[in-house]
Protein backbone atom coordinates (compact mmCIF):
# COMPACT_ATOMS: atom_id res chain seq x y z
CA UNK A 1 60.94 83.39 92.84
CA UNK A 2 61.01 84.61 89.25
CA UNK A 3 61.05 81.11 87.94
CA UNK A 4 57.91 80.20 89.87
CA UNK A 5 59.66 77.87 92.27
CA UNK A 6 58.51 77.15 95.78
CA UNK A 7 60.88 77.99 98.64
CA UNK A 8 61.72 74.32 98.97
CA UNK A 9 62.46 73.99 95.26
CA UNK A 10 64.65 77.12 95.34
CA UNK A 11 66.56 75.78 98.43
CA UNK A 12 67.09 72.48 96.66
CA UNK A 13 68.53 74.24 93.59
CA UNK A 14 70.79 76.35 95.84
CA UNK A 15 72.05 73.22 97.61
CA UNK A 16 73.02 71.67 94.19
CA UNK A 17 74.95 74.82 93.38
CA UNK A 18 76.69 74.80 96.79
CA UNK A 19 79.38 72.35 95.58
CA UNK A 20 80.68 74.98 93.11
CA UNK A 21 79.81 78.11 95.13
CA UNK A 22 80.44 77.50 98.88
CA UNK A 23 79.63 81.18 99.57
CA UNK A 24 75.91 80.28 99.28
CA UNK A 25 75.95 78.36 102.57
CA UNK A 26 75.22 81.45 104.73
CA UNK A 27 72.20 82.35 102.49
CA UNK A 28 70.85 78.82 102.66
CA UNK A 29 71.35 78.67 106.44
CA UNK A 30 69.67 82.00 106.87
CA UNK A 31 66.65 81.15 104.75
CA UNK A 32 66.23 77.79 106.55
CA UNK A 33 66.43 79.47 110.03
CA UNK A 34 63.94 82.22 109.12
CA UNK A 35 60.75 82.16 111.10
CA UNK A 36 59.12 85.16 109.38
CA UNK A 37 59.81 84.21 105.80
CA UNK A 38 61.89 86.08 103.25
CA UNK A 39 61.31 89.06 100.97
CA UNK A 40 60.81 87.98 97.39
């Protein structure tokens, strides 16, 4: 959000980082499953 990324761009960046930080998976899954959006 602070970098001006869209949600899709931010998710793509998180997925790249996922290889080094597997703990990000629950966050990614939660954001993708959200039907009401996320707080930025």
